[in-house]
């Protein structure tokens, strides 16, 4: 049997939770409810890059047009590199094929993911405080004293996951050694020359620090702006906030790059124009080490269980832009397994297949993202080296961008799945296009 009739509770309504909800509805799992702790669905940050591997999945969901309405379109390259002091062009990485990467405000992406989800299954103001198994179902209790029940719980509640703790995973997040400053700059606040530079994704690579800019949105929808993301090495002892996310004076970023190239100085002045209070977001970058088990199944009923998706189980540093992309991949993998499963009603086997497929890939992304951060914030930043040049950087990421997630799933899941109804007329295109 498939788990078509399972009552599924999704905990967390950020990008990962919304992506799983889309995946579930797309494959035909309709008995779902999503619980978000905030009073409304929102995202903060300086925009997000969604690369080819994840865009193929979102396009299969039917979200391409909505996404392109508020994202960048057909960028001239995947990433450009410039010398941090002179601003000299050093080289670039070309796109990895179609669909090309898209840069979009996180809140706009959340809106896109939300648009096809029926309102009655979305619940806000639901901060999970306890998760208990009663013997016949899970009982989720929220801080407003409301209660929900489910037979499968999907933990999409981020790196500080409450659901993760319920599985007995008690590890502590690891400080990466860097903080990130995030903000926006309007193109009209820059000189024409600087504005043209930042119409693409650009990295200015400094000494143990770097600034990444994203060309968020587009002119047609009046969403075009520059996402500024400054990765700076700072001791955690300098962190004064009790939260990982805080605000800081723009002057702090200025101090880190006071002698950098003219376009960077323009960016900082642009940040000041966009922030009347002179402050910008500042985040301490943490990551968790990979864990051995992503799920739990009840001994008394093997069709009831808890499983983790996204940052709750495979968080990664942002240096390859794959945090949200990995959540999108994991979401469609898990949803497809739950829908197509025909090998009995034991979730242990289904969840184990999900983990066996996803864990090697997400573990490698976690490791290579850490390495990419070291390469981007260099001890010798003046130019390219034998280990840091466009052709090698592109080769490092090809395995991420060119993966066909569903092809592997259907191959490895074939002994457990019902045949796809579209098998007889499937095109020769990527499997993800035939979801």
Foldseek 3Di string as FASTA:
>chain_A
DFLLPFQEEEEALALLSLLLLLLLVQLRNDNYAYEHQAQDYFDDFLWFKAAQLQVLQCVLSVLVVQQQQFWDQDFQAQEWEAAWQARHTFGGHHALDPPGMIIAHRRSSSCSSPPPRDPVRYHYNFAWDDWDDPLPWIWTAGPVRDIDTTQEYEFPHAQVTPLLVVVVDDDDWDFLQKKKWKDKFALVLFDPVLSVVLCAWYWHFEAQKIKTKHQTTDPVSPNTIIIIIIIHGDDCVPDDDPDQKDKDALVVVCVVRVNTHPSVVSVSVRRCVVDVVRMTMMGGDIADAADDDFWDADPSFQLGIYGYAFNNHQAADCLPSCRSVLSSLLSNLLSVLSSFFDDDRGVVVSRVLSCVLRVVVSNVRRVVSSVSSDQRNDNDRRHADPCGDRVNVNVSCSVVNVDQSVVVSCVVCVVGGDDDPCVVPDDPDRVSSVD
